[in-house]
Protein backbone atom coordinates (compact mmCIF):
# COMPACT_ATOMS: atom_id res chain seq x y z
CA MET A 1 -8.56 -20.38 -40.56
CA GLN A 2 -9.38 -17.26 -42.86
CA ALA A 3 -6.96 -14.08 -42.14
CA ARG A 4 -10.65 -12.23 -40.93
CA GLU A 5 -11.51 -15.08 -38.10
CA GLU A 6 -7.76 -15.27 -36.80
CA LEU A 7 -8.12 -11.20 -36.51
CA GLN A 8 -11.26 -11.43 -35.06
CA LYS A 9 -9.78 -14.26 -32.15
CA LEU A 10 -6.78 -12.05 -31.51
CA ILE A 11 -9.00 -9.10 -30.93
CA ASP A 12 -11.27 -11.21 -28.71
CA ALA A 13 -8.24 -12.12 -27.27
CA LEU A 14 -6.93 -9.24 -26.31
CA ALA A 15 -10.48 -7.96 -24.83
CA THR A 16 -10.34 -10.33 -22.38
CA GLN A 17 -6.90 -9.38 -21.13
CA ARG A 18 -7.94 -5.42 -20.87
CA ASP A 19 -10.99 -6.91 -18.77
CA GLU A 20 -8.85 -8.89 -16.77
CA LEU A 21 -6.10 -6.07 -16.46
CA ILE A 22 -9.42 -3.34 -15.08
CA VAL A 23 -10.72 -6.11 -12.78
CA ARG A 24 -6.73 -6.47 -11.67
CA ALA A 25 -6.39 -2.69 -11.52
CA HIS A 26 -9.56 -1.64 -9.58
CA LEU A 27 -9.01 -4.65 -6.91
CA ALA A 28 -5.25 -2.59 -6.42
CA LYS A 29 -6.91 0.47 -6.35
CA LEU A 30 -9.42 -0.93 -3.39
CA GLU A 31 -6.12 -2.41 -1.74
CA ALA A 32 -3.95 0.67 -1.91
CA GLN A 33 -6.59 2.90 -0.22
CA ASP A 34 -7.18 0.11 2.39
CA GLU A 35 -3.30 0.42 2.59
CA TRP A 36 -3.27 3.90 2.71
CA ARG A 37 -5.45 4.13 5.60
CA GLU A 38 -3.71 1.93 8.15
CA LEU A 39 -0.92 3.71 7.49
CA GLU A 40 -2.29 7.41 8.05
CA GLY A 41 -3.76 6.00 11.18
CA LYS A 42 -0.21 4.41 11.93
CA LEU A 43 1.64 7.64 11.45
CA ASP A 44 -0.74 9.60 13.64
CA GLU A 45 0.04 7.11 16.26
CA LEU A 46 3.55 7.47 15.50
CA ARG A 47 3.14 11.72 15.91
CA ALA A 48 1.58 10.93 19.44
CA LYS A 49 4.41 8.62 20.37
CA ALA A 50 6.87 11.15 19.13
CA LYS A 51 5.02 13.64 21.48
CA GLN A 52 4.65 11.51 24.22
CA ALA A 53 8.96 10.88 24.21
CA ALA A 54 9.64 14.25 24.02
CA GLU A 55 7.61 14.81 27.47
CA VAL A 56 8.57 11.74 29.30
CA ALA A 57 12.05 11.16 30.55
CA GLY A 58 15.00 8.63 31.51
CA GLU A 59 13.88 5.03 30.87
CA ALA A 60 10.53 5.44 29.88
CA ALA A 61 11.16 7.73 27.23
CA GLU A 62 14.14 5.29 25.34
CA ASP A 63 10.96 2.69 25.40
CA VAL A 64 8.46 4.86 23.84
CA ARG A 65 11.74 6.34 21.13
CA ALA A 66 12.09 2.18 20.67
CA ALA A 67 8.50 1.92 19.71
CA ALA A 68 8.35 4.41 18.03
CA ARG A 69 11.05 3.64 15.41
CA LEU A 70 9.25 0.02 15.46
CA LEU A 71 6.13 1.80 13.77
CA ALA A 72 8.28 4.28 11.38
CA GLU A 73 9.82 1.13 10.07
CA GLU A 74 6.50 -1.01 9.66
CA ILE A 75 5.10 2.89 7.99
CA GLY A 76 8.16 2.81 5.95
CA ARG A 77 7.46 -0.70 4.31
CA GLY A 78 4.03 -0.13 3.75
CA TYR A 79 4.93 3.11 1.80
CA GLU A 80 7.00 0.59 0.00
CA ARG A 81 4.38 -1.55 -0.31
CA LEU A 82 1.91 0.72 -2.06
CA LYS A 83 4.55 1.54 -4.07
CA ARG A 84 5.09 -1.61 -5.85
CA LEU A 85 1.13 -1.29 -6.41
CA PHE A 86 1.36 1.66 -8.91
């Protein structure tokens, strides 16, 4: 095989690899946007639970705080997933 043909095969392989990465990056961007929207909704929910916990007393408040902690942990895990996409 001539050097010119080998070089062209290398260029073609790199172009294919680049095209695949472009598609994967685009899909990752879409996935990140979906995840972000979901996490924003959960953060709003967490804020509402925090407000509710401040307004109620006793055992009910502890239930609300426990639910808020679980939601906060879920949001944190979601942010970690997003960080791995970048």
